[in-house]
Amino acid sequence: MQKINEIDELIKLIAKLPGLGPKSAKRIVLKLINNRDELVKPMANTLAQVYKNVIRCQSCGALKSNSLGCSNCGDKIEKYNKICVVEEIADQWSIENSNIYKGYFHILGGTISSPGQRKEDLLINSLVDRVIKDNIEEVIIATSATVEGQTTAYYIQDSLKQTNTKVSKLAQGLPVGGEIESLDDGTLYSAFKNRTGI
């Protein structure tokens, strides 16, 4: 096989994406190379724009564009009295796609015990601020049913004690060790419908 440094580097980078290994990365790179004008050029431009303009909101954790305010926690047409707390943006997208929850979201950006994750990096303090500022009546904790997810849930519950806000967590349907983003709509619906106080 011909050795081209640029291609090798691209294969290594693409192989780091979730669900892809070296073989899948090679197929993707070949597809890109064979479709330079249709894929590579627009993708390179779009990636540069994303790198330059898309950041994480420091209040709610959602992605936002530098040119626009945050649509997740900014001025809303609809006002809600509950916030659903998730670990990652993919979890929010899964819940939104199921159409079973209407309310605000708060994305922590990981869990307390995640490797390389410091408790200070999670947006727990800004969650407490949002609960107080927006007069939130219920915080629904939708962290994964892993040890890390449950540890984070208990820490959030403890952090919210001073607010006298109802704190609930997702109920049945969440398997132990399960990730929110991989659940189907029926499981998510059951978990939201049967949530319990903690």
N, C-alpha and C. Protein backbone atom coordinates (compact mmCIF):
# COMPACT_ATOMS: atom_id res chain seq x y z
N MET A 1 0.85 -1.18 0.00
CA MET A 1 0.00 0.00 0.00
C MET A 1 0.89 1.24 0.00
N GLN A 2 0.50 2.19 -0.78
CA GLN A 2 1.23 3.44 -0.90
C GLN A 2 1.18 4.23 0.40
N LYS A 3 2.33 4.76 0.82
CA LYS A 3 2.39 5.53 2.07
C LYS A 3 2.31 7.01 1.76
N ILE A 4 1.21 7.64 2.18
CA ILE A 4 1.04 9.09 2.02
C ILE A 4 0.70 9.63 3.41
N ASN A 5 1.58 10.46 3.94
CA ASN A 5 1.43 10.94 5.32
C ASN A 5 0.08 11.60 5.59
N GLU A 6 -0.38 12.44 4.66
CA GLU A 6 -1.64 13.16 4.86
C GLU A 6 -2.81 12.18 5.00
N ILE A 7 -2.79 11.13 4.18
CA ILE A 7 -3.87 10.13 4.23
C ILE A 7 -3.78 9.34 5.53
N ASP A 8 -2.56 8.95 5.91
CA ASP A 8 -2.39 8.21 7.17
C ASP A 8 -2.89 9.01 8.36
N GLU A 9 -2.57 10.31 8.39
CA GLU A 9 -3.03 11.17 9.48
C GLU A 9 -4.55 11.28 9.51
N LEU A 10 -5.15 11.42 8.32
CA LEU A 10 -6.60 11.54 8.24
C LEU A 10 -7.27 10.25 8.71
N ILE A 11 -6.72 9.11 8.33
CA ILE A 11 -7.27 7.82 8.77
C ILE A 11 -7.19 7.71 10.29
N LYS A 12 -6.06 8.12 10.87
CA LYS A 12 -5.92 8.06 12.34
C LYS A 12 -6.94 8.95 13.03
N LEU A 13 -7.16 10.15 12.49
CA LEU A 13 -8.12 11.08 13.09
C LEU A 13 -9.55 10.54 13.00
N ILE A 14 -9.93 10.06 11.82
CA ILE A 14 -11.30 9.56 11.63
C ILE A 14 -11.53 8.31 12.47
N ALA A 15 -10.50 7.48 12.65
CA ALA A 15 -10.64 6.26 13.46
C ALA A 15 -10.91 6.57 14.92
N LYS A 16 -10.62 7.80 15.36
CA LYS A 16 -10.88 8.20 16.74
C LYS A 16 -12.35 8.52 17.00
N LEU A 17 -13.14 8.68 15.93
CA LEU A 17 -14.56 8.99 16.09
C LEU A 17 -15.30 7.78 16.63
N PRO A 18 -16.38 8.01 17.41
CA PRO A 18 -17.12 6.89 18.01
C PRO A 18 -17.68 5.95 16.95
N GLY A 19 -17.53 4.66 17.20
CA GLY A 19 -18.10 3.65 16.31
C GLY A 19 -17.27 3.37 15.07
N LEU A 20 -16.13 4.03 14.94
CA LEU A 20 -15.29 3.80 13.76
C LEU A 20 -13.94 3.23 14.17
N GLY A 21 -13.47 2.31 13.36
CA GLY A 21 -12.13 1.76 13.56
C GLY A 21 -11.30 2.07 12.33
N PRO A 22 -10.10 1.51 12.25
CA PRO A 22 -9.21 1.78 11.11
C PRO A 22 -9.80 1.39 9.75
N LYS A 23 -10.51 0.26 9.68
CA LYS A 23 -11.09 -0.17 8.39
C LYS A 23 -12.16 0.80 7.92
N SER A 24 -13.07 1.17 8.83
CA SER A 24 -14.12 2.13 8.47
C SER A 24 -13.50 3.47 8.10
N ALA A 25 -12.48 3.87 8.83
CA ALA A 25 -11.82 5.15 8.55
C ALA A 25 -11.19 5.14 7.16
N LYS A 26 -10.60 4.03 6.77
CA LYS A 26 -9.99 3.93 5.43
C LYS A 26 -11.06 4.06 4.35
N ARG A 27 -12.21 3.41 4.55
CA ARG A 27 -13.29 3.51 3.56
C ARG A 27 -13.80 4.94 3.45
N ILE A 28 -13.92 5.61 4.60
CA ILE A 28 -14.39 7.00 4.59
C ILE A 28 -13.39 7.89 3.87
N VAL A 29 -12.10 7.72 4.16
CA VAL A 29 -11.07 8.53 3.51
C VAL A 29 -11.07 8.32 2.00
N LEU A 30 -11.21 7.07 1.56
CA LEU A 30 -11.27 6.81 0.12
C LEU A 30 -12.48 7.47 -0.52
N LYS A 31 -13.61 7.42 0.16
CA LYS A 31 -14.82 8.09 -0.34
C LYS A 31 -14.59 9.60 -0.44
N LEU A 32 -13.96 10.18 0.55
CA LEU A 32 -13.68 11.60 0.53
C LEU A 32 -12.74 11.97 -0.62
N ILE A 33 -11.69 11.20 -0.77
CA ILE A 33 -10.71 11.49 -1.83
C ILE A 33 -11.33 11.37 -3.21
N ASN A 34 -12.18 10.38 -3.38
CA ASN A 34 -12.83 10.18 -4.68
C ASN A 34 -13.94 11.20 -4.95
N ASN A 35 -14.30 11.97 -3.95
CA ASN A 35 -15.35 12.99 -4.11
C ASN A 35 -14.86 14.32 -3.52
N ARG A 36 -13.71 14.75 -3.99
CA ARG A 36 -13.07 15.96 -3.45
C ARG A 36 -13.99 17.17 -3.49
N ASP A 37 -14.51 17.46 -4.67
CA ASP A 37 -15.28 18.70 -4.84
C ASP A 37 -16.63 18.64 -4.12
N GLU A 38 -17.25 17.47 -4.09
CA GLU A 38 -18.57 17.34 -3.47
C GLU A 38 -18.49 17.21 -1.95
N LEU A 39 -17.42 16.59 -1.44
CA LEU A 39 -17.35 16.31 0.00
C LEU A 39 -16.20 17.01 0.73
N VAL A 40 -14.98 16.87 0.24
CA VAL A 40 -13.82 17.35 0.98
C VAL A 40 -13.83 18.86 1.16
N LYS A 41 -14.01 19.58 0.07
CA LYS A 41 -13.95 21.05 0.15
C LYS A 41 -15.06 21.61 1.04
N PRO A 42 -16.34 21.23 0.81
CA PRO A 42 -17.39 21.75 1.69
C PRO A 42 -17.22 21.30 3.15
N MET A 43 -16.74 20.06 3.35
CA MET A 43 -16.55 19.56 4.71
C MET A 43 -15.44 20.33 5.42
N ALA A 44 -14.36 20.60 4.71
CA ALA A 44 -13.26 21.36 5.30
C ALA A 44 -13.73 22.76 5.69
N ASN A 45 -14.49 23.40 4.82
CA ASN A 45 -15.02 24.74 5.12
C ASN A 45 -15.97 24.71 6.31
N THR A 46 -16.85 23.72 6.34
CA THR A 46 -17.82 23.61 7.43
C THR A 46 -17.12 23.31 8.75
N LEU A 47 -16.14 22.41 8.74
CA LEU A 47 -15.40 22.10 9.95
C LEU A 47 -14.68 23.33 10.48
N ALA A 48 -14.12 24.13 9.58
CA ALA A 48 -13.43 25.36 9.99
C ALA A 48 -14.42 26.33 10.64
N GLN A 49 -15.63 26.43 10.08
CA GLN A 49 -16.65 27.31 10.65
C GLN A 49 -17.12 26.81 12.01
N VAL A 50 -17.29 25.50 12.13
CA VAL A 50 -17.71 24.92 13.41
C VAL A 50 -16.63 25.19 14.46
N TYR A 51 -15.38 24.97 14.09
CA TYR A 51 -14.27 25.19 15.03
C TYR A 51 -14.22 26.65 15.47
N LYS A 52 -14.47 27.55 14.55
CA LYS A 52 -14.39 28.98 14.82
C LYS A 52 -15.60 29.52 15.58
N ASN A 53 -16.79 29.03 15.27
CA ASN A 53 -18.02 29.68 15.74
C ASN A 53 -18.86 28.91 16.75
N VAL A 54 -18.70 27.61 16.88
CA VAL A 54 -19.57 26.83 17.76
C VAL A 54 -18.86 26.60 19.09
N ILE A 55 -19.52 27.03 20.18
CA ILE A 55 -18.96 26.87 21.51
C ILE A 55 -20.00 26.29 22.45
N ARG A 56 -19.57 25.93 23.64
CA ARG A 56 -20.47 25.40 24.65
C ARG A 56 -20.95 26.55 25.53
N CYS A 57 -22.25 26.64 25.73
CA CYS A 57 -22.82 27.66 26.60
C CYS A 57 -22.37 27.38 28.03
N GLN A 58 -21.85 28.39 28.70
CA GLN A 58 -21.35 28.22 30.07
C GLN A 58 -22.46 28.23 31.11
N SER A 59 -23.69 28.51 30.67
CA SER A 59 -24.81 28.50 31.60
C SER A 59 -25.52 27.15 31.60
N CYS A 60 -25.86 26.63 30.40
CA CYS A 60 -26.65 25.39 30.33
C CYS A 60 -25.90 24.21 29.72
N GLY A 61 -24.75 24.46 29.09
CA GLY A 61 -23.96 23.37 28.53
C GLY A 61 -24.28 23.01 27.09
N ALA A 62 -25.30 23.64 26.49
CA ALA A 62 -25.66 23.32 25.10
C ALA A 62 -24.66 23.96 24.14
N LEU A 63 -24.68 23.48 22.91
CA LEU A 63 -23.86 24.09 21.87
C LEU A 63 -24.57 25.34 21.38
N LYS A 64 -23.78 26.36 21.08
CA LYS A 64 -24.36 27.58 20.54
C LYS A 64 -23.38 28.21 19.56
N SER A 65 -23.91 29.05 18.70
CA SER A 65 -23.08 29.77 17.74
C SER A 65 -22.65 31.09 18.37
N ASN A 66 -21.41 31.49 18.09
CA ASN A 66 -20.92 32.78 18.59
C ASN A 66 -21.80 33.93 18.14
N SER A 67 -22.40 33.78 16.95
CA SER A 67 -23.18 34.88 16.38
C SER A 67 -24.60 34.96 16.94
N LEU A 68 -25.04 33.92 17.63
CA LEU A 68 -26.40 33.89 18.18
C LEU A 68 -26.35 33.60 19.68
N GLY A 69 -27.40 33.97 20.38
CA GLY A 69 -27.51 33.61 21.79
C GLY A 69 -27.84 32.13 21.91
N CYS A 70 -27.84 31.63 23.12
CA CYS A 70 -28.14 30.22 23.34
C CYS A 70 -29.65 30.00 23.26
N SER A 71 -30.06 29.11 22.38
CA SER A 71 -31.49 28.83 22.22
C SER A 71 -32.01 27.91 23.32
N ASN A 72 -31.11 27.27 24.05
CA ASN A 72 -31.51 26.35 25.11
C ASN A 72 -31.87 27.06 26.41
N CYS A 73 -31.12 28.12 26.74
CA CYS A 73 -31.38 28.78 28.03
C CYS A 73 -31.63 30.28 27.89
N GLY A 74 -31.56 30.80 26.69
CA GLY A 74 -31.77 32.23 26.48
C GLY A 74 -33.23 32.61 26.57
N ASP A 75 -33.58 33.77 26.01
CA ASP A 75 -34.97 34.21 26.02
C ASP A 75 -35.84 33.20 25.29
N LYS A 76 -36.86 32.74 25.96
CA LYS A 76 -37.74 31.72 25.40
C LYS A 76 -39.13 32.28 25.19
N ILE A 77 -39.77 31.80 24.13
CA ILE A 77 -41.17 32.13 23.92
C ILE A 77 -42.00 31.35 24.94
N GLU A 78 -41.66 30.06 25.06
CA GLU A 78 -42.37 29.22 26.03
C GLU A 78 -41.58 29.18 27.33
N LYS A 79 -42.27 29.36 28.44
CA LYS A 79 -41.64 29.27 29.75
C LYS A 79 -42.02 27.93 30.38
N TYR A 80 -41.03 27.27 30.95
CA TYR A 80 -41.26 25.98 31.58
C TYR A 80 -40.92 26.07 33.06
N ASN A 81 -41.41 25.08 33.82
CA ASN A 81 -41.11 25.08 35.25
C ASN A 81 -40.26 23.87 35.64
N LYS A 82 -39.65 23.22 34.63
CA LYS A 82 -38.79 22.08 34.94
C LYS A 82 -37.56 22.06 34.03
N ILE A 83 -36.51 21.45 34.56
CA ILE A 83 -35.24 21.28 33.84
C ILE A 83 -34.87 19.81 33.88
N CYS A 84 -34.50 19.27 32.73
CA CYS A 84 -33.99 17.91 32.64
C CYS A 84 -32.47 17.98 32.56
N VAL A 85 -31.79 17.33 33.49
CA VAL A 85 -30.33 17.35 33.55
C VAL A 85 -29.78 16.08 32.92
N VAL A 86 -28.93 16.25 31.91
CA VAL A 86 -28.32 15.11 31.22
C VAL A 86 -26.80 15.25 31.24
N GLU A 87 -26.12 14.16 30.93
CA GLU A 87 -24.65 14.18 30.94
C GLU A 87 -24.09 14.85 29.69
N GLU A 88 -24.60 14.48 28.53
CA GLU A 88 -24.01 14.94 27.27
C GLU A 88 -25.10 15.45 26.33
N ILE A 89 -24.69 16.18 25.31
CA ILE A 89 -25.61 16.75 24.33
C ILE A 89 -26.36 15.64 23.58
N ALA A 90 -25.68 14.52 23.32
CA ALA A 90 -26.33 13.40 22.64
C ALA A 90 -27.54 12.90 23.44
N ASP A 91 -27.45 12.97 24.77
CA ASP A 91 -28.57 12.56 25.62
C ASP A 91 -29.76 13.50 25.43
N GLN A 92 -29.48 14.81 25.35
CA GLN A 92 -30.55 15.78 25.11
C GLN A 92 -31.21 15.51 23.77
N TRP A 93 -30.42 15.28 22.74
CA TRP A 93 -30.97 15.04 21.41
C TRP A 93 -31.86 13.80 21.41
N SER A 94 -31.46 12.74 22.11
CA SER A 94 -32.27 11.52 22.17
C SER A 94 -33.62 11.79 22.83
N ILE A 95 -33.60 12.55 23.93
CA ILE A 95 -34.84 12.86 24.64
C ILE A 95 -35.72 13.77 23.79
N GLU A 96 -35.13 14.77 23.14
CA GLU A 96 -35.90 15.67 22.27
C GLU A 96 -36.55 14.91 21.12
N ASN A 97 -35.82 13.98 20.52
CA ASN A 97 -36.36 13.21 19.39
C ASN A 97 -37.53 12.33 19.79
N SER A 98 -37.61 11.97 21.07
CA SER A 98 -38.71 11.11 21.52
C SER A 98 -40.00 11.89 21.73
N ASN A 99 -39.93 13.22 21.81
CA ASN A 99 -41.11 14.08 22.02
C ASN A 99 -41.89 13.75 23.28
N ILE A 100 -41.22 13.28 24.32
CA ILE A 100 -41.93 12.92 25.55
C ILE A 100 -41.70 13.92 26.67
N TYR A 101 -40.84 14.89 26.42
CA TYR A 101 -40.51 15.86 27.47
C TYR A 101 -40.57 17.26 26.90
N LYS A 102 -41.25 18.15 27.60
CA LYS A 102 -41.31 19.56 27.25
C LYS A 102 -40.79 20.35 28.44
N GLY A 103 -39.65 20.95 28.28
CA GLY A 103 -39.04 21.73 29.35
C GLY A 103 -37.63 22.12 28.96
N TYR A 104 -36.93 22.73 29.90
CA TYR A 104 -35.55 23.14 29.66
C TYR A 104 -34.61 21.95 29.82
N PHE A 105 -33.42 22.08 29.25
CA PHE A 105 -32.37 21.07 29.41
C PHE A 105 -31.16 21.72 30.06
N HIS A 106 -30.40 20.90 30.75
CA HIS A 106 -29.11 21.32 31.31
C HIS A 106 -28.12 20.20 31.06
N ILE A 107 -27.05 20.50 30.33
CA ILE A 107 -26.06 19.50 29.94
C ILE A 107 -24.82 19.66 30.80
N LEU A 108 -24.51 18.65 31.59
CA LEU A 108 -23.39 18.72 32.52
C LEU A 108 -22.04 18.70 31.83
N GLY A 109 -21.93 17.92 30.77
CA GLY A 109 -20.63 17.76 30.10
C GLY A 109 -19.83 16.59 30.64
N GLY A 110 -20.49 15.64 31.25
CA GLY A 110 -19.82 14.45 31.79
C GLY A 110 -20.40 14.08 33.14
N THR A 111 -19.64 13.28 33.87
CA THR A 111 -20.03 12.88 35.22
C THR A 111 -18.87 13.16 36.18
N ILE A 112 -19.15 13.12 37.45
CA ILE A 112 -18.13 13.44 38.45
C ILE A 112 -16.95 12.49 38.38
N SER A 113 -17.20 11.21 38.18
CA SER A 113 -16.11 10.23 38.20
C SER A 113 -15.55 9.91 36.82
N SER A 114 -15.95 10.65 35.79
CA SER A 114 -15.42 10.39 34.45
C SER A 114 -13.92 10.62 34.44
N PRO A 115 -13.17 9.76 33.70
CA PRO A 115 -11.72 9.96 33.61
C PRO A 115 -11.41 11.33 33.02
N GLY A 116 -10.51 12.05 33.66
CA GLY A 116 -10.10 13.36 33.17
C GLY A 116 -11.12 14.45 33.41
N GLN A 117 -12.19 14.15 34.12
CA GLN A 117 -13.26 15.14 34.36
C GLN A 117 -13.17 15.64 35.80
N ARG A 118 -13.06 16.94 35.96
CA ARG A 118 -13.06 17.53 37.30
C ARG A 118 -14.47 17.98 37.65
N LYS A 119 -14.81 17.84 38.92
CA LYS A 119 -16.15 18.24 39.38
C LYS A 119 -16.44 19.70 39.04
N GLU A 120 -15.39 20.53 39.09
CA GLU A 120 -15.55 21.96 38.82
C GLU A 120 -15.91 22.23 37.36
N ASP A 121 -15.55 21.31 36.46
CA ASP A 121 -15.83 21.49 35.03
C ASP A 121 -17.30 21.23 34.69
N LEU A 122 -17.96 20.46 35.53
CA LEU A 122 -19.38 20.19 35.31
C LEU A 122 -20.18 21.44 35.67
N LEU A 123 -21.28 21.64 34.99
CA LEU A 123 -22.06 22.87 35.17
C LEU A 123 -23.11 22.72 36.27
N ILE A 124 -22.69 22.23 37.43
CA ILE A 124 -23.63 22.02 38.53
C ILE A 124 -23.96 23.34 39.21
N ASN A 125 -22.98 24.20 39.42
CA ASN A 125 -23.25 25.50 40.03
C ASN A 125 -24.18 26.35 39.17
N SER A 126 -23.98 26.30 37.84
CA SER A 126 -24.87 27.08 36.98
C SER A 126 -26.27 26.47 36.94
N LEU A 127 -26.39 25.15 37.18
CA LEU A 127 -27.72 24.53 37.30
C LEU A 127 -28.46 25.13 38.49
N VAL A 128 -27.78 25.21 39.63
CA VAL A 128 -28.40 25.79 40.83
C VAL A 128 -28.82 27.23 40.55
N ASP A 129 -27.95 27.99 39.88
CA ASP A 129 -28.28 29.38 39.53
C ASP A 129 -29.52 29.46 38.65
N ARG A 130 -29.60 28.58 37.65
CA ARG A 130 -30.76 28.57 36.74
C ARG A 130 -32.04 28.22 37.48
N VAL A 131 -31.97 27.24 38.37
CA VAL A 131 -33.14 26.82 39.15
C VAL A 131 -33.69 28.00 39.94
N ILE A 132 -32.80 28.75 40.57
CA ILE A 132 -33.23 29.90 41.38
C ILE A 132 -33.75 31.02 40.49
N LYS A 133 -32.99 31.36 39.44
CA LYS A 133 -33.34 32.49 38.56
C LYS A 133 -34.66 32.26 37.82
N ASP A 134 -34.89 31.04 37.33
CA ASP A 134 -36.06 30.74 36.51
C ASP A 134 -37.23 30.17 37.30
N ASN A 135 -37.13 30.18 38.65
CA ASN A 135 -38.21 29.65 39.50
C ASN A 135 -38.61 28.23 39.08
N ILE A 136 -37.64 27.37 38.93
CA ILE A 136 -37.89 25.99 38.50
C ILE A 136 -38.51 25.20 39.65
N GLU A 137 -39.58 24.48 39.33
CA GLU A 137 -40.29 23.70 40.34
C GLU A 137 -39.78 22.26 40.44
N GLU A 138 -39.26 21.72 39.30
CA GLU A 138 -38.79 20.34 39.31
C GLU A 138 -37.52 20.20 38.48
N VAL A 139 -36.55 19.48 39.04
CA VAL A 139 -35.34 19.11 38.32
C VAL A 139 -35.39 17.61 38.11
N ILE A 140 -35.38 17.19 36.83
CA ILE A 140 -35.41 15.77 36.49
C ILE A 140 -33.99 15.35 36.14
N ILE A 141 -33.44 14.46 36.94
CA ILE A 141 -32.07 14.00 36.70
C ILE A 141 -32.12 12.79 35.78
N ALA A 142 -31.53 12.95 34.60
CA ALA A 142 -31.54 11.89 33.58
C ALA A 142 -30.11 11.46 33.27
N THR A 143 -29.35 11.18 34.33
CA THR A 143 -28.00 10.67 34.14
C THR A 143 -28.08 9.16 33.90
N SER A 144 -27.03 8.62 33.35
CA SER A 144 -27.00 7.19 33.04
C SER A 144 -27.03 6.35 34.31
N ALA A 145 -27.47 5.10 34.15
CA ALA A 145 -27.58 4.19 35.30
C ALA A 145 -26.25 3.50 35.56
N THR A 146 -25.16 4.27 35.48
CA THR A 146 -23.82 3.77 35.81
C THR A 146 -23.45 4.28 37.19
N VAL A 147 -22.38 3.75 37.75
CA VAL A 147 -21.92 4.24 39.06
C VAL A 147 -21.62 5.73 38.98
N GLU A 148 -20.95 6.15 37.91
CA GLU A 148 -20.62 7.56 37.73
C GLU A 148 -21.88 8.42 37.60
N GLY A 149 -22.84 7.94 36.81
CA GLY A 149 -24.09 8.67 36.62
C GLY A 149 -24.87 8.83 37.91
N GLN A 150 -24.91 7.76 38.71
CA GLN A 150 -25.65 7.81 39.97
C GLN A 150 -24.94 8.68 41.01
N THR A 151 -23.59 8.63 41.02
CA THR A 151 -22.82 9.49 41.92
C THR A 151 -23.11 10.95 41.60
N THR A 152 -23.12 11.26 40.31
CA THR A 152 -23.41 12.63 39.87
C THR A 152 -24.83 13.03 40.27
N ALA A 153 -25.79 12.11 40.13
CA ALA A 153 -27.18 12.40 40.49
C ALA A 153 -27.30 12.76 41.97
N TYR A 154 -26.63 12.00 42.82
CA TYR A 154 -26.69 12.29 44.25
C TYR A 154 -26.02 13.61 44.59
N TYR A 155 -24.94 13.93 43.90
CA TYR A 155 -24.25 15.20 44.13
C TYR A 155 -25.16 16.37 43.71
N ILE A 156 -25.86 16.22 42.59
CA ILE A 156 -26.79 17.26 42.12
C ILE A 156 -27.91 17.44 43.15
N GLN A 157 -28.46 16.32 43.60
CA GLN A 157 -29.53 16.38 44.60
C GLN A 157 -29.07 17.14 45.83
N ASP A 158 -27.88 16.84 46.30
CA ASP A 158 -27.34 17.51 47.48
C ASP A 158 -27.13 19.01 47.21
N SER A 159 -26.67 19.33 46.00
CA SER A 159 -26.42 20.74 45.65
C SER A 159 -27.72 21.55 45.58
N LEU A 160 -28.84 20.87 45.30
CA LEU A 160 -30.12 21.56 45.14
C LEU A 160 -30.95 21.63 46.42
N LYS A 161 -30.45 21.06 47.52
CA LYS A 161 -31.23 21.04 48.77
C LYS A 161 -31.66 22.43 49.21
N GLN A 162 -30.79 23.41 49.06
CA GLN A 162 -31.09 24.77 49.52
C GLN A 162 -32.21 25.42 48.72
N THR A 163 -32.54 24.90 47.53
CA THR A 163 -33.53 25.56 46.68
C THR A 163 -34.97 25.12 46.97
N ASN A 164 -35.15 24.05 47.71
CA ASN A 164 -36.48 23.48 47.98
C ASN A 164 -37.23 23.10 46.70
N THR A 165 -36.48 22.77 45.66
CA THR A 165 -37.06 22.34 44.39
C THR A 165 -37.25 20.84 44.42
N LYS A 166 -38.33 20.36 43.83
CA LYS A 166 -38.55 18.91 43.72
C LYS A 166 -37.47 18.34 42.80
N VAL A 167 -36.83 17.27 43.26
CA VAL A 167 -35.80 16.60 42.46
C VAL A 167 -36.28 15.18 42.20
N SER A 168 -36.33 14.81 40.92
CA SER A 168 -36.73 13.45 40.57
C SER A 168 -35.69 12.85 39.63
N LYS A 169 -35.75 11.54 39.48
CA LYS A 169 -34.84 10.89 38.54
C LYS A 169 -35.65 9.94 37.67
N LEU A 170 -35.09 9.59 36.53
CA LEU A 170 -35.79 8.68 35.63
C LEU A 170 -35.94 7.32 36.30
N ALA A 171 -37.07 6.68 36.04
CA ALA A 171 -37.41 5.43 36.72
C ALA A 171 -37.16 4.21 35.84
N GLN A 172 -38.03 3.22 36.00
CA GLN A 172 -37.88 1.95 35.31
C GLN A 172 -37.67 2.14 33.81
N GLY A 173 -36.98 1.20 33.26
CA GLY A 173 -36.67 1.29 31.84
C GLY A 173 -35.21 1.60 31.61
N LEU A 174 -34.55 2.16 32.60
CA LEU A 174 -33.12 2.43 32.47
C LEU A 174 -32.35 1.23 33.00
N PRO A 175 -31.69 0.48 32.12
CA PRO A 175 -30.92 -0.67 32.60
C PRO A 175 -29.67 -0.21 33.34
N VAL A 176 -29.24 -0.99 34.31
CA VAL A 176 -28.01 -0.68 35.03
C VAL A 176 -26.86 -0.70 34.03
N GLY A 177 -26.08 0.36 34.05
CA GLY A 177 -24.97 0.46 33.11
C GLY A 177 -25.38 1.01 31.76
N GLY A 178 -26.66 1.38 31.61
CA GLY A 178 -27.16 1.86 30.32
C GLY A 178 -26.84 3.32 30.07
N GLU A 179 -26.72 3.68 28.81
CA GLU A 179 -26.46 5.05 28.39
C GLU A 179 -27.75 5.64 27.83
N ILE A 180 -28.06 6.87 28.19
CA ILE A 180 -29.30 7.53 27.76
C ILE A 180 -29.41 7.55 26.23
N GLU A 181 -28.32 7.91 25.55
CA GLU A 181 -28.39 8.11 24.10
C GLU A 181 -28.71 6.85 23.32
N SER A 182 -28.52 5.66 23.94
CA SER A 182 -28.76 4.42 23.21
C SER A 182 -30.15 3.83 23.47
N LEU A 183 -30.98 4.52 24.26
CA LEU A 183 -32.30 3.99 24.59
C LEU A 183 -33.32 4.31 23.50
N ASP A 184 -34.28 3.41 23.32
CA ASP A 184 -35.35 3.65 22.35
C ASP A 184 -36.42 4.54 22.98
N ASP A 185 -37.33 5.05 22.13
CA ASP A 185 -38.38 5.97 22.59
C ASP A 185 -39.28 5.38 23.67
N GLY A 186 -39.63 4.09 23.52
CA GLY A 186 -40.51 3.45 24.50
C GLY A 186 -39.88 3.37 25.87
N THR A 187 -38.59 3.05 25.91
CA THR A 187 -37.87 2.97 27.18
C THR A 187 -37.77 4.35 27.81
N LEU A 188 -37.45 5.36 26.99
CA LEU A 188 -37.37 6.73 27.50
C LEU A 188 -38.72 7.20 28.02
N TYR A 189 -39.80 6.88 27.29
CA TYR A 189 -41.14 7.28 27.71
C TYR A 189 -41.46 6.69 29.07
N SER A 190 -41.17 5.39 29.23
CA SER A 190 -41.44 4.71 30.50
C SER A 190 -40.63 5.32 31.63
N ALA A 191 -39.37 5.64 31.35
CA ALA A 191 -38.50 6.21 32.38
C ALA A 191 -39.00 7.59 32.83
N PHE A 192 -39.44 8.42 31.87
CA PHE A 192 -39.95 9.75 32.23
C PHE A 192 -41.28 9.64 32.96
N LYS A 193 -42.18 8.80 32.44
CA LYS A 193 -43.52 8.67 33.02
C LYS A 193 -43.46 8.17 34.45
N ASN A 194 -42.53 7.27 34.73
CA ASN A 194 -42.47 6.64 36.05
C ASN A 194 -41.34 7.18 36.92
N ARG A 195 -40.91 8.41 36.67
CA ARG A 195 -39.82 8.97 37.47
C ARG A 195 -40.26 9.10 38.92
N THR A 196 -39.29 9.06 39.81
CA THR A 196 -39.58 9.10 41.25
C THR A 196 -38.74 10.18 41.93
N GLY A 197 -39.18 10.61 43.08
CA GLY A 197 -38.41 11.59 43.85
C GLY A 197 -37.19 10.92 44.49
N ILE A 198 -36.18 11.74 44.78
CA ILE A 198 -34.99 11.20 45.48
C ILE A 198 -34.71 12.03 46.72
